[in-house]
N, C-alpha and C. Protein backbone atom coordinates (compact mmCIF):
# COMPACT_ATOMS: atom_id res chain seq x y z
N MET A 1 -140.77 66.85 -131.28
CA MET A 1 -139.47 66.30 -131.63
C MET A 1 -138.42 66.75 -130.64
N GLU A 2 -137.44 65.90 -130.43
CA GLU A 2 -136.28 66.25 -129.64
C GLU A 2 -135.10 66.48 -130.58
N LEU A 3 -134.47 67.64 -130.49
CA LEU A 3 -133.31 67.99 -131.31
C LEU A 3 -132.07 67.93 -130.44
N THR A 4 -131.10 67.11 -130.84
CA THR A 4 -129.84 67.01 -130.11
C THR A 4 -128.71 67.53 -130.99
N LYS A 5 -127.96 68.49 -130.43
CA LYS A 5 -126.83 69.07 -131.16
C LYS A 5 -125.65 68.11 -131.12
N LYS A 6 -125.16 67.76 -132.29
CA LYS A 6 -123.93 66.99 -132.41
C LYS A 6 -122.84 67.93 -132.92
N GLY A 7 -121.67 67.38 -133.25
CA GLY A 7 -120.56 68.24 -133.64
C GLY A 7 -120.79 68.98 -134.94
N HIS A 8 -120.40 70.26 -134.95
CA HIS A 8 -120.41 71.13 -136.12
C HIS A 8 -121.83 71.29 -136.67
N SER A 9 -122.10 70.76 -137.85
CA SER A 9 -123.38 70.99 -138.50
C SER A 9 -124.32 69.80 -138.41
N CYS A 10 -124.00 68.85 -137.55
CA CYS A 10 -124.79 67.63 -137.42
C CYS A 10 -125.80 67.76 -136.29
N VAL A 11 -127.03 67.34 -136.55
CA VAL A 11 -128.06 67.26 -135.52
C VAL A 11 -128.79 65.93 -135.63
N ARG A 12 -129.33 65.49 -134.49
CA ARG A 12 -130.19 64.31 -134.43
C ARG A 12 -131.59 64.75 -134.03
N LEU A 13 -132.59 64.29 -134.75
CA LEU A 13 -133.98 64.56 -134.43
C LEU A 13 -134.65 63.25 -134.08
N ALA A 14 -135.41 63.25 -132.99
CA ALA A 14 -136.05 62.02 -132.53
C ALA A 14 -137.52 62.27 -132.23
N LYS A 15 -138.36 61.34 -132.65
CA LYS A 15 -139.78 61.36 -132.29
C LYS A 15 -140.35 59.96 -132.46
N ASP A 16 -141.25 59.60 -131.58
CA ASP A 16 -141.98 58.33 -131.69
C ASP A 16 -141.04 57.15 -131.90
N GLY A 17 -139.86 57.19 -131.29
CA GLY A 17 -138.93 56.08 -131.38
C GLY A 17 -138.06 56.06 -132.61
N ALA A 18 -138.25 57.02 -133.53
CA ALA A 18 -137.46 57.08 -134.75
C ALA A 18 -136.43 58.21 -134.66
N VAL A 19 -135.29 58.01 -135.33
CA VAL A 19 -134.20 58.97 -135.29
C VAL A 19 -133.79 59.35 -136.71
N LEU A 20 -133.68 60.65 -136.95
CA LEU A 20 -133.21 61.18 -138.22
C LEU A 20 -131.96 62.01 -137.94
N VAL A 21 -130.89 61.79 -138.71
CA VAL A 21 -129.63 62.51 -138.52
C VAL A 21 -129.32 63.30 -139.79
N ILE A 22 -128.95 64.56 -139.60
CA ILE A 22 -128.59 65.43 -140.72
C ILE A 22 -127.11 65.79 -140.65
N ASP A 23 -126.41 65.62 -141.76
CA ASP A 23 -125.02 66.07 -141.96
C ASP A 23 -124.02 65.55 -140.93
N PRO A 24 -123.87 64.22 -140.84
CA PRO A 24 -122.80 63.67 -140.01
C PRO A 24 -121.46 63.77 -140.74
N GLY A 25 -120.79 64.88 -140.58
CA GLY A 25 -119.55 65.14 -141.30
C GLY A 25 -118.32 64.88 -140.46
N GLY A 26 -117.17 65.25 -141.01
CA GLY A 26 -115.89 64.94 -140.40
C GLY A 26 -115.60 65.66 -139.10
N TYR A 27 -116.34 66.73 -138.79
CA TYR A 27 -116.15 67.43 -137.52
C TYR A 27 -117.15 66.99 -136.46
N SER A 28 -118.03 66.05 -136.82
CA SER A 28 -118.96 65.52 -135.82
C SER A 28 -118.37 64.25 -135.22
N GLU A 29 -119.02 63.73 -134.20
CA GLU A 29 -118.52 62.55 -133.50
C GLU A 29 -118.49 61.34 -134.45
N PRO A 30 -117.53 60.44 -134.28
CA PRO A 30 -117.46 59.26 -135.16
C PRO A 30 -118.76 58.45 -135.19
N ASP A 31 -119.49 58.43 -134.08
CA ASP A 31 -120.74 57.66 -134.02
C ASP A 31 -121.97 58.57 -134.12
N ALA A 32 -121.80 59.76 -134.66
CA ALA A 32 -122.91 60.73 -134.70
C ALA A 32 -124.14 60.19 -135.41
N ALA A 33 -123.94 59.35 -136.41
CA ALA A 33 -125.07 58.85 -137.20
C ALA A 33 -125.52 57.46 -136.79
N VAL A 34 -124.78 56.80 -135.91
CA VAL A 34 -125.13 55.44 -135.51
C VAL A 34 -126.47 55.45 -134.77
N GLY A 35 -127.35 54.54 -135.13
CA GLY A 35 -128.68 54.49 -134.53
C GLY A 35 -129.73 55.21 -135.33
N ALA A 36 -129.33 55.87 -136.41
CA ALA A 36 -130.30 56.60 -137.23
C ALA A 36 -131.17 55.63 -138.04
N ASP A 37 -132.43 55.99 -138.17
CA ASP A 37 -133.34 55.29 -139.08
C ASP A 37 -133.35 55.95 -140.45
N ALA A 38 -133.06 57.25 -140.47
CA ALA A 38 -133.00 58.00 -141.72
C ALA A 38 -131.87 59.01 -141.63
N LEU A 39 -131.23 59.27 -142.78
CA LEU A 39 -130.12 60.20 -142.84
C LEU A 39 -130.34 61.18 -143.98
N LEU A 40 -129.97 62.44 -143.74
CA LEU A 40 -130.02 63.48 -144.76
C LEU A 40 -128.65 64.14 -144.84
N VAL A 41 -128.18 64.40 -146.05
CA VAL A 41 -126.92 65.11 -146.26
C VAL A 41 -127.18 66.26 -147.23
N THR A 42 -126.70 67.45 -146.85
CA THR A 42 -126.99 68.65 -147.64
C THR A 42 -126.07 68.83 -148.84
N HIS A 43 -124.80 68.39 -148.71
CA HIS A 43 -123.86 68.55 -149.83
C HIS A 43 -122.59 67.76 -149.54
N GLU A 44 -121.66 67.82 -150.48
CA GLU A 44 -120.53 66.89 -150.48
C GLU A 44 -119.31 67.33 -149.68
N HIS A 45 -119.27 68.54 -149.15
CA HIS A 45 -118.09 68.97 -148.41
C HIS A 45 -117.87 68.07 -147.19
N PRO A 46 -116.61 67.75 -146.88
CA PRO A 46 -116.34 66.73 -145.85
C PRO A 46 -116.78 67.09 -144.44
N ASP A 47 -117.02 68.38 -144.15
CA ASP A 47 -117.53 68.71 -142.82
C ASP A 47 -119.03 68.43 -142.70
N HIS A 48 -119.66 68.05 -143.82
CA HIS A 48 -121.08 67.68 -143.81
C HIS A 48 -121.30 66.23 -144.23
N PHE A 49 -120.41 65.72 -145.06
CA PHE A 49 -120.52 64.37 -145.59
C PHE A 49 -119.24 63.61 -145.30
N ASP A 50 -119.35 62.61 -144.44
CA ASP A 50 -118.23 61.72 -144.16
C ASP A 50 -118.70 60.30 -144.46
N GLU A 51 -118.07 59.69 -145.45
CA GLU A 51 -118.53 58.37 -145.89
C GLU A 51 -118.44 57.34 -144.77
N GLY A 52 -117.40 57.41 -143.97
CA GLY A 52 -117.25 56.45 -142.88
C GLY A 52 -118.38 56.55 -141.87
N ARG A 53 -118.78 57.76 -141.54
CA ARG A 53 -119.87 57.93 -140.58
C ARG A 53 -121.19 57.44 -141.16
N LEU A 54 -121.42 57.68 -142.44
CA LEU A 54 -122.64 57.18 -143.07
C LEU A 54 -122.64 55.65 -143.13
N ARG A 55 -121.51 55.08 -143.52
CA ARG A 55 -121.43 53.63 -143.60
C ARG A 55 -121.66 52.99 -142.22
N ALA A 56 -121.13 53.61 -141.17
CA ALA A 56 -121.35 53.08 -139.82
C ALA A 56 -122.83 53.02 -139.49
N ALA A 57 -123.56 54.05 -139.88
CA ALA A 57 -125.00 54.09 -139.60
C ALA A 57 -125.76 53.08 -140.45
N LEU A 58 -125.43 53.01 -141.74
CA LEU A 58 -126.15 52.12 -142.64
C LEU A 58 -125.81 50.65 -142.38
N ASP A 59 -124.58 50.38 -141.96
CA ASP A 59 -124.21 49.00 -141.61
C ASP A 59 -124.86 48.56 -140.30
N THR A 60 -124.93 49.47 -139.33
CA THR A 60 -125.48 49.13 -138.02
C THR A 60 -126.98 48.85 -138.09
N ASN A 61 -127.69 49.62 -138.91
CA ASN A 61 -129.14 49.46 -139.04
C ASN A 61 -129.46 49.15 -140.50
N PRO A 62 -129.68 47.88 -140.85
CA PRO A 62 -129.94 47.52 -142.24
C PRO A 62 -131.20 48.14 -142.83
N ALA A 63 -132.07 48.69 -141.98
CA ALA A 63 -133.28 49.34 -142.47
C ALA A 63 -133.09 50.83 -142.70
N ALA A 64 -131.97 51.39 -142.25
CA ALA A 64 -131.73 52.83 -142.40
C ALA A 64 -131.56 53.20 -143.87
N GLN A 65 -132.01 54.42 -144.21
CA GLN A 65 -131.91 54.89 -145.58
C GLN A 65 -131.37 56.31 -145.58
N LEU A 66 -130.79 56.69 -146.73
CA LEU A 66 -130.16 57.99 -146.90
C LEU A 66 -130.82 58.74 -148.05
N TRP A 67 -131.12 60.03 -147.79
CA TRP A 67 -131.60 60.93 -148.83
C TRP A 67 -130.60 62.07 -148.98
N THR A 68 -130.21 62.37 -150.21
CA THR A 68 -129.19 63.38 -150.43
C THR A 68 -129.19 63.80 -151.90
N LEU A 69 -128.32 64.74 -152.25
CA LEU A 69 -128.23 65.15 -153.64
C LEU A 69 -127.32 64.20 -154.42
N ARG A 70 -127.33 64.35 -155.73
CA ARG A 70 -126.68 63.38 -156.60
C ARG A 70 -125.18 63.21 -156.31
N SER A 71 -124.48 64.33 -156.03
CA SER A 71 -123.03 64.26 -155.87
C SER A 71 -122.62 63.39 -154.69
N VAL A 72 -123.45 63.32 -153.66
CA VAL A 72 -123.19 62.43 -152.53
C VAL A 72 -123.70 61.02 -152.82
N ALA A 73 -124.89 60.92 -153.37
CA ALA A 73 -125.50 59.61 -153.62
C ALA A 73 -124.60 58.75 -154.51
N GLU A 74 -123.95 59.37 -155.50
CA GLU A 74 -123.10 58.61 -156.41
C GLU A 74 -121.91 57.96 -155.70
N GLN A 75 -121.52 58.48 -154.55
CA GLN A 75 -120.35 57.95 -153.84
C GLN A 75 -120.68 56.77 -152.93
N VAL A 76 -121.95 56.60 -152.58
CA VAL A 76 -122.29 55.54 -151.62
C VAL A 76 -123.39 54.60 -152.09
N SER A 77 -124.07 54.93 -153.18
CA SER A 77 -125.25 54.14 -153.57
C SER A 77 -124.90 52.70 -153.96
N ALA A 78 -123.73 52.48 -154.58
CA ALA A 78 -123.38 51.13 -155.01
C ALA A 78 -123.24 50.17 -153.84
N ALA A 79 -122.79 50.68 -152.70
CA ALA A 79 -122.60 49.83 -151.53
C ALA A 79 -123.90 49.52 -150.80
N PHE A 80 -124.94 50.32 -151.04
CA PHE A 80 -126.20 50.16 -150.33
C PHE A 80 -127.36 50.23 -151.32
N PRO A 81 -127.48 49.26 -152.20
CA PRO A 81 -128.50 49.31 -153.25
C PRO A 81 -129.91 49.42 -152.68
N GLY A 82 -130.67 50.36 -153.25
CA GLY A 82 -132.06 50.56 -152.84
C GLY A 82 -132.24 51.38 -151.58
N ARG A 83 -131.13 51.80 -150.96
CA ARG A 83 -131.23 52.51 -149.68
C ARG A 83 -130.76 53.96 -149.76
N VAL A 84 -130.27 54.37 -150.92
CA VAL A 84 -129.77 55.74 -151.12
C VAL A 84 -130.63 56.42 -152.17
N HIS A 85 -131.21 57.56 -151.82
CA HIS A 85 -132.18 58.23 -152.68
C HIS A 85 -131.72 59.65 -153.00
N THR A 86 -131.88 60.04 -154.25
CA THR A 86 -131.48 61.37 -154.69
C THR A 86 -132.67 62.32 -154.63
N VAL A 87 -132.43 63.53 -154.08
CA VAL A 87 -133.48 64.53 -153.96
C VAL A 87 -132.99 65.86 -154.53
N GLY A 88 -133.94 66.75 -154.80
CA GLY A 88 -133.64 68.09 -155.26
C GLY A 88 -134.72 69.05 -154.83
N GLU A 89 -134.50 70.32 -155.11
CA GLU A 89 -135.43 71.36 -154.65
C GLU A 89 -136.86 71.05 -155.09
N GLY A 90 -137.78 71.22 -154.14
CA GLY A 90 -139.19 71.00 -154.40
C GLY A 90 -139.69 69.61 -154.03
N ASP A 91 -138.77 68.68 -153.80
CA ASP A 91 -139.18 67.33 -153.43
C ASP A 91 -139.74 67.31 -152.01
N VAL A 92 -140.69 66.44 -151.78
CA VAL A 92 -141.22 66.16 -150.44
C VAL A 92 -141.20 64.65 -150.25
N ILE A 93 -140.53 64.20 -149.21
CA ILE A 93 -140.41 62.77 -148.98
C ILE A 93 -140.75 62.45 -147.53
N THR A 94 -141.02 61.19 -147.27
CA THR A 94 -141.21 60.71 -145.91
C THR A 94 -140.05 59.79 -145.56
N ALA A 95 -139.34 60.12 -144.49
CA ALA A 95 -138.15 59.37 -144.08
C ALA A 95 -138.33 58.92 -142.64
N ALA A 96 -138.54 57.63 -142.43
CA ALA A 96 -138.72 57.05 -141.09
C ALA A 96 -139.80 57.77 -140.29
N GLY A 97 -140.86 58.20 -140.98
CA GLY A 97 -141.97 58.87 -140.31
C GLY A 97 -141.84 60.37 -140.24
N PHE A 98 -140.70 60.93 -140.65
CA PHE A 98 -140.51 62.38 -140.71
C PHE A 98 -140.86 62.86 -142.11
N GLU A 99 -141.63 63.95 -142.18
CA GLU A 99 -141.89 64.55 -143.50
C GLU A 99 -140.80 65.58 -143.79
N VAL A 100 -140.18 65.47 -144.94
CA VAL A 100 -139.03 66.30 -145.28
C VAL A 100 -139.30 67.03 -146.59
N GLU A 101 -139.18 68.37 -146.54
CA GLU A 101 -139.24 69.19 -147.75
C GLU A 101 -137.82 69.61 -148.12
N VAL A 102 -137.53 69.65 -149.42
CA VAL A 102 -136.21 70.01 -149.91
C VAL A 102 -136.27 71.43 -150.48
N HIS A 103 -135.35 72.28 -149.99
CA HIS A 103 -135.31 73.69 -150.41
C HIS A 103 -133.88 74.06 -150.79
N GLY A 104 -133.73 74.83 -151.87
CA GLY A 104 -132.42 75.35 -152.25
C GLY A 104 -131.75 74.53 -153.32
N GLN A 105 -130.71 75.13 -153.93
CA GLN A 105 -130.02 74.47 -155.04
C GLN A 105 -128.50 74.58 -154.97
N LEU A 106 -127.97 75.72 -154.52
CA LEU A 106 -126.54 75.98 -154.63
C LEU A 106 -125.91 76.32 -153.28
N HIS A 107 -124.66 75.92 -153.13
CA HIS A 107 -123.82 76.31 -152.00
C HIS A 107 -123.59 77.82 -152.05
N ALA A 108 -123.43 78.44 -150.91
CA ALA A 108 -123.10 79.86 -150.87
C ALA A 108 -121.75 80.11 -151.56
N VAL A 109 -121.54 81.34 -152.02
CA VAL A 109 -120.29 81.70 -152.68
C VAL A 109 -119.18 81.80 -151.63
N ILE A 110 -118.14 81.01 -151.79
CA ILE A 110 -116.97 81.10 -150.91
C ILE A 110 -116.03 82.17 -151.45
N HIS A 111 -115.75 82.12 -152.74
CA HIS A 111 -114.94 83.11 -153.45
C HIS A 111 -115.29 82.97 -154.94
N PRO A 112 -115.30 84.08 -155.68
CA PRO A 112 -115.64 83.97 -157.11
C PRO A 112 -114.77 83.01 -157.89
N ASP A 113 -113.54 82.76 -157.42
CA ASP A 113 -112.66 81.83 -158.13
C ASP A 113 -112.95 80.37 -157.82
N ILE A 114 -113.80 80.10 -156.84
CA ILE A 114 -114.12 78.72 -156.45
C ILE A 114 -115.48 78.35 -157.03
N PRO A 115 -115.54 77.35 -157.90
CA PRO A 115 -116.83 76.97 -158.49
C PRO A 115 -117.84 76.58 -157.41
N ARG A 116 -119.08 77.00 -157.61
CA ARG A 116 -120.14 76.64 -156.67
C ARG A 116 -120.61 75.22 -156.92
N ILE A 117 -120.93 74.52 -155.85
CA ILE A 117 -121.46 73.17 -155.95
C ILE A 117 -122.94 73.20 -155.55
N THR A 118 -123.60 72.07 -155.73
CA THR A 118 -124.99 71.98 -155.31
C THR A 118 -125.09 71.84 -153.80
N ASN A 119 -126.19 72.30 -153.27
CA ASN A 119 -126.48 72.24 -151.83
C ASN A 119 -127.99 72.31 -151.67
N VAL A 120 -128.53 71.43 -150.85
CA VAL A 120 -129.95 71.50 -150.56
C VAL A 120 -130.16 71.61 -149.05
N GLY A 121 -131.26 72.24 -148.67
CA GLY A 121 -131.65 72.33 -147.28
C GLY A 121 -132.90 71.50 -147.04
N TYR A 122 -133.16 71.19 -145.77
CA TYR A 122 -134.28 70.32 -145.42
C TYR A 122 -135.15 70.94 -144.34
N VAL A 123 -136.45 71.03 -144.61
CA VAL A 123 -137.44 71.35 -143.57
C VAL A 123 -138.03 70.03 -143.09
N VAL A 124 -137.90 69.76 -141.80
CA VAL A 124 -138.36 68.50 -141.23
C VAL A 124 -139.63 68.73 -140.43
N ASP A 125 -140.66 67.97 -140.76
CA ASP A 125 -141.96 68.04 -140.09
C ASP A 125 -142.51 69.46 -140.03
N GLY A 126 -142.20 70.25 -141.03
CA GLY A 126 -142.76 71.59 -141.14
C GLY A 126 -142.27 72.57 -140.11
N THR A 127 -141.18 72.22 -139.40
CA THR A 127 -140.77 73.13 -138.32
C THR A 127 -139.28 73.38 -138.24
N VAL A 128 -138.42 72.36 -138.46
CA VAL A 128 -136.97 72.52 -138.33
C VAL A 128 -136.35 72.64 -139.71
N PHE A 129 -135.57 73.71 -139.94
CA PHE A 129 -134.93 73.90 -141.23
C PHE A 129 -133.42 73.89 -141.09
N HIS A 130 -132.77 72.97 -141.82
CA HIS A 130 -131.31 72.91 -141.91
C HIS A 130 -130.94 73.35 -143.32
N PRO A 131 -130.28 74.52 -143.48
CA PRO A 131 -129.99 75.02 -144.83
C PRO A 131 -128.71 74.47 -145.44
N GLY A 132 -127.93 73.67 -144.67
CA GLY A 132 -126.62 73.30 -145.18
C GLY A 132 -125.72 74.52 -145.27
N ASP A 133 -124.94 74.61 -146.34
CA ASP A 133 -124.03 75.74 -146.52
C ASP A 133 -124.65 76.75 -147.49
N ALA A 134 -125.71 77.36 -147.08
CA ALA A 134 -126.39 78.36 -147.91
C ALA A 134 -127.29 79.18 -147.00
N LEU A 135 -127.65 80.35 -147.47
CA LEU A 135 -128.59 81.19 -146.73
C LEU A 135 -129.94 81.18 -147.46
N THR A 136 -130.43 79.98 -147.69
CA THR A 136 -131.71 79.79 -148.37
C THR A 136 -132.86 80.23 -147.47
N VAL A 137 -133.77 80.98 -148.03
CA VAL A 137 -134.98 81.40 -147.31
C VAL A 137 -136.14 80.59 -147.87
N PRO A 138 -136.62 79.61 -147.14
CA PRO A 138 -137.73 78.80 -147.67
C PRO A 138 -139.02 79.61 -147.72
N ASP A 139 -139.87 79.28 -148.67
CA ASP A 139 -141.13 80.00 -148.82
C ASP A 139 -142.20 79.38 -147.92
N ARG A 140 -141.90 79.35 -146.63
CA ARG A 140 -142.83 78.80 -145.64
C ARG A 140 -142.38 79.26 -144.27
N ASP A 141 -143.26 79.12 -143.28
CA ASP A 141 -142.90 79.43 -141.90
C ASP A 141 -141.90 78.39 -141.39
N VAL A 142 -140.97 78.86 -140.54
CA VAL A 142 -139.98 77.98 -139.93
C VAL A 142 -140.03 78.18 -138.42
N GLY A 143 -140.19 77.09 -137.69
CA GLY A 143 -140.19 77.20 -136.24
C GLY A 143 -138.79 77.30 -135.68
N THR A 144 -137.90 76.40 -136.14
CA THR A 144 -136.52 76.35 -135.65
C THR A 144 -135.57 76.38 -136.83
N LEU A 145 -134.76 77.42 -136.89
CA LEU A 145 -133.74 77.55 -137.94
C LEU A 145 -132.40 77.08 -137.38
N LEU A 146 -131.78 76.12 -138.05
CA LEU A 146 -130.42 75.72 -137.71
C LEU A 146 -129.49 76.68 -138.44
N LEU A 147 -128.83 77.52 -137.67
CA LEU A 147 -128.19 78.74 -138.18
C LEU A 147 -126.68 78.56 -138.33
N PRO A 148 -126.16 78.58 -139.56
CA PRO A 148 -124.70 78.49 -139.75
C PRO A 148 -124.03 79.79 -139.28
N VAL A 149 -123.38 79.73 -138.12
CA VAL A 149 -122.87 80.97 -137.53
C VAL A 149 -121.45 81.31 -137.96
N MET A 150 -120.69 80.32 -138.43
CA MET A 150 -119.32 80.62 -138.84
C MET A 150 -118.89 79.72 -139.98
N ALA A 151 -118.55 80.31 -141.10
CA ALA A 151 -118.10 79.56 -142.27
C ALA A 151 -117.20 80.45 -143.10
N PRO A 152 -116.40 79.88 -143.99
CA PRO A 152 -115.57 80.71 -144.87
C PRO A 152 -116.38 81.60 -145.81
N TRP A 153 -117.70 81.36 -145.87
CA TRP A 153 -118.53 82.09 -146.82
C TRP A 153 -119.49 83.08 -146.15
N ASN A 154 -119.38 83.31 -144.84
CA ASN A 154 -120.33 84.24 -144.23
C ASN A 154 -119.65 85.20 -143.25
N LYS A 155 -120.41 86.18 -142.82
CA LYS A 155 -120.00 87.14 -141.80
C LYS A 155 -121.20 87.45 -140.93
N VAL A 156 -120.98 88.02 -139.77
CA VAL A 156 -122.05 88.15 -138.79
C VAL A 156 -123.21 89.01 -139.31
N ALA A 157 -122.93 90.03 -140.12
CA ALA A 157 -124.01 90.86 -140.67
C ALA A 157 -124.96 90.01 -141.52
N GLU A 158 -124.38 89.07 -142.29
CA GLU A 158 -125.21 88.21 -143.12
C GLU A 158 -126.01 87.23 -142.26
N VAL A 159 -125.41 86.77 -141.18
CA VAL A 159 -126.10 85.86 -140.27
C VAL A 159 -127.32 86.55 -139.66
N ILE A 160 -127.13 87.80 -139.22
CA ILE A 160 -128.24 88.57 -138.64
C ILE A 160 -129.34 88.77 -139.66
N ASP A 161 -128.97 89.21 -140.86
CA ASP A 161 -129.97 89.46 -141.90
C ASP A 161 -130.68 88.17 -142.31
N TYR A 162 -129.97 87.06 -142.25
CA TYR A 162 -130.60 85.79 -142.61
C TYR A 162 -131.67 85.39 -141.60
N VAL A 163 -131.38 85.55 -140.32
CA VAL A 163 -132.40 85.25 -139.32
C VAL A 163 -133.61 86.16 -139.51
N ARG A 164 -133.35 87.43 -139.78
CA ARG A 164 -134.46 88.35 -140.02
C ARG A 164 -135.31 87.90 -141.21
N ALA A 165 -134.65 87.46 -142.28
CA ALA A 165 -135.38 87.07 -143.49
C ALA A 165 -136.21 85.82 -143.27
N VAL A 166 -135.66 84.83 -142.56
CA VAL A 166 -136.41 83.59 -142.31
C VAL A 166 -137.47 83.81 -141.24
N ALA A 167 -137.16 84.66 -140.25
CA ALA A 167 -138.08 84.99 -139.15
C ALA A 167 -138.59 83.75 -138.41
N PRO A 168 -137.68 82.90 -137.94
CA PRO A 168 -138.11 81.73 -137.18
C PRO A 168 -138.49 82.11 -135.76
N ARG A 169 -139.08 81.17 -135.03
CA ARG A 169 -139.35 81.40 -133.62
C ARG A 169 -138.09 81.22 -132.78
N ARG A 170 -137.19 80.35 -133.24
CA ARG A 170 -135.91 80.16 -132.54
C ARG A 170 -134.83 79.88 -133.58
N ALA A 171 -133.61 80.28 -133.23
CA ALA A 171 -132.44 80.01 -134.07
C ALA A 171 -131.42 79.27 -133.23
N VAL A 172 -130.96 78.14 -133.72
CA VAL A 172 -130.02 77.29 -133.00
C VAL A 172 -128.72 77.23 -133.80
N ASP A 173 -127.60 77.54 -133.16
CA ASP A 173 -126.31 77.57 -133.84
C ASP A 173 -125.90 76.19 -134.38
N VAL A 174 -125.45 76.18 -135.63
CA VAL A 174 -124.72 75.04 -136.19
C VAL A 174 -123.54 75.62 -136.97
N HIS A 175 -122.78 74.74 -137.57
CA HIS A 175 -121.59 75.14 -138.35
C HIS A 175 -120.66 75.98 -137.47
N ASP A 176 -120.29 75.40 -136.34
CA ASP A 176 -119.57 76.16 -135.32
C ASP A 176 -118.29 75.50 -134.83
N ALA A 177 -117.83 74.44 -135.51
CA ALA A 177 -116.68 73.67 -135.00
C ALA A 177 -115.38 74.47 -135.00
N LEU A 178 -115.25 75.46 -135.86
CA LEU A 178 -114.01 76.21 -135.96
C LEU A 178 -113.96 77.41 -135.01
N LEU A 179 -115.00 77.59 -134.23
CA LEU A 179 -115.04 78.72 -133.30
C LEU A 179 -114.33 78.38 -132.00
N SER A 180 -113.69 79.37 -131.39
CA SER A 180 -113.13 79.19 -130.06
C SER A 180 -114.23 79.31 -129.02
N ASP A 181 -113.89 79.04 -127.76
CA ASP A 181 -114.87 79.14 -126.68
C ASP A 181 -115.36 80.58 -126.47
N LEU A 182 -114.61 81.54 -126.96
CA LEU A 182 -115.01 82.94 -126.80
C LEU A 182 -116.12 83.34 -127.77
N ALA A 183 -116.21 82.65 -128.89
CA ALA A 183 -117.12 83.09 -129.95
C ALA A 183 -118.59 83.12 -129.56
N PRO A 184 -119.11 82.10 -128.83
CA PRO A 184 -120.54 82.16 -128.49
C PRO A 184 -120.93 83.40 -127.69
N GLN A 185 -119.99 83.96 -126.92
CA GLN A 185 -120.29 85.19 -126.20
C GLN A 185 -120.59 86.32 -127.17
N LEU A 186 -119.76 86.43 -128.22
CA LEU A 186 -119.97 87.47 -129.22
C LEU A 186 -121.25 87.24 -129.99
N TYR A 187 -121.42 86.01 -130.50
CA TYR A 187 -122.63 85.73 -131.27
C TYR A 187 -123.87 85.85 -130.39
N GLY A 188 -123.74 85.46 -129.13
CA GLY A 188 -124.87 85.59 -128.23
C GLY A 188 -125.32 87.03 -128.06
N ARG A 189 -124.34 87.93 -127.98
CA ARG A 189 -124.69 89.36 -127.87
C ARG A 189 -125.32 89.88 -129.16
N MET A 190 -124.74 89.50 -130.29
CA MET A 190 -125.22 90.01 -131.57
C MET A 190 -126.59 89.46 -131.95
N LEU A 191 -126.84 88.20 -131.60
CA LEU A 191 -128.09 87.54 -131.99
C LEU A 191 -129.13 87.53 -130.87
N GLY A 192 -128.74 87.95 -129.68
CA GLY A 192 -129.65 87.96 -128.55
C GLY A 192 -130.47 89.23 -128.46
N PRO A 193 -131.24 89.39 -127.40
CA PRO A 193 -132.16 90.52 -127.28
C PRO A 193 -131.48 91.87 -127.17
N ASN A 194 -130.20 91.91 -126.81
CA ASN A 194 -129.49 93.19 -126.71
C ASN A 194 -128.68 93.51 -127.96
N GLY A 195 -128.81 92.69 -128.98
CA GLY A 195 -128.10 92.91 -130.24
C GLY A 195 -128.91 93.76 -131.20
N PRO A 196 -128.52 93.76 -132.47
CA PRO A 196 -129.21 94.60 -133.46
C PRO A 196 -130.60 94.14 -133.84
N GLY A 197 -130.97 92.93 -133.40
CA GLY A 197 -132.33 92.48 -133.65
C GLY A 197 -132.40 91.42 -134.72
N VAL A 198 -133.08 90.32 -134.43
CA VAL A 198 -133.22 89.22 -135.39
C VAL A 198 -134.68 88.81 -135.52
N ALA A 199 -135.54 89.80 -135.65
CA ALA A 199 -136.97 89.58 -135.92
C ALA A 199 -137.65 88.80 -134.81
N GLY A 200 -137.17 88.93 -133.59
CA GLY A 200 -137.84 88.31 -132.46
C GLY A 200 -137.51 86.86 -132.22
N ALA A 201 -136.59 86.29 -132.99
CA ALA A 201 -136.23 84.89 -132.78
C ALA A 201 -135.49 84.71 -131.46
N GLU A 202 -135.77 83.60 -130.79
CA GLU A 202 -135.02 83.25 -129.60
C GLU A 202 -133.76 82.50 -130.03
N HIS A 203 -132.61 82.92 -129.54
CA HIS A 203 -131.34 82.36 -130.00
C HIS A 203 -130.78 81.37 -128.99
N PHE A 204 -130.30 80.20 -129.51
CA PHE A 204 -129.75 79.16 -128.66
C PHE A 204 -128.38 78.74 -129.17
N HIS A 205 -127.41 78.68 -128.27
CA HIS A 205 -126.14 78.01 -128.55
C HIS A 205 -126.11 76.75 -127.69
N LEU A 206 -126.21 75.60 -128.34
CA LEU A 206 -126.26 74.31 -127.63
C LEU A 206 -124.88 73.67 -127.64
N GLU A 207 -124.44 73.21 -126.49
CA GLU A 207 -123.21 72.41 -126.44
C GLU A 207 -123.49 71.03 -127.04
N ARG A 208 -122.44 70.38 -127.49
CA ARG A 208 -122.60 69.04 -128.05
C ARG A 208 -123.31 68.14 -127.05
N GLY A 209 -124.28 67.40 -127.54
CA GLY A 209 -125.02 66.46 -126.71
C GLY A 209 -126.23 67.06 -126.02
N THR A 210 -126.39 68.39 -126.12
CA THR A 210 -127.54 69.04 -125.49
C THR A 210 -128.78 68.84 -126.36
N THR A 211 -129.91 68.60 -125.70
CA THR A 211 -131.16 68.34 -126.41
C THR A 211 -132.17 69.45 -126.14
N LEU A 212 -132.91 69.80 -127.18
CA LEU A 212 -133.93 70.84 -127.11
C LEU A 212 -135.21 70.31 -127.71
N THR A 213 -136.33 70.54 -127.07
CA THR A 213 -137.62 70.15 -127.63
C THR A 213 -138.09 71.22 -128.62
N VAL A 214 -138.43 70.79 -129.84
CA VAL A 214 -138.83 71.74 -130.88
C VAL A 214 -140.18 71.35 -131.46
């Protein structure tokens, strides 16, 4: 598979002529999801779910389909009958030739006064894991972890411990739109070979549009 980093928490995965896009939200490019054969959304927050971006993809490709949790599906299913599917933890589906496992249930705690919403993560083809806004540890091996490096609900110590717990072969930064250009230097030191250690994972910070074979 070819993994292309899009804005913030959005990635495109391509294989055998098919394209799967995860979390085309408001901080990703307006056309981030255009050309997708399958779409996955982890939760309803606008930096992960942008209705306009999803509609652009579903309108452009009448065969494209969306898999997501109920809170997102309810907002778009009426406009695209038969093309929006609800998933939850433990589900395994096939989307445009990609095998997708669903892991996790809840968004990470932002603050005790803010109610938690649902959030699911996706393991694609048994190798790439996108956790959405949670530090879910799937009960399986992960080749490539899409690592939320900066959010209102995390800190660098938790990011390090999360990589250690998942123990992937590589960790690729996502959820990074609010970081300045200086931040990757810090995260690179902390998550790289001279940092406190992340269970041997190779760490990657990809610029928008950069592609990595996974």
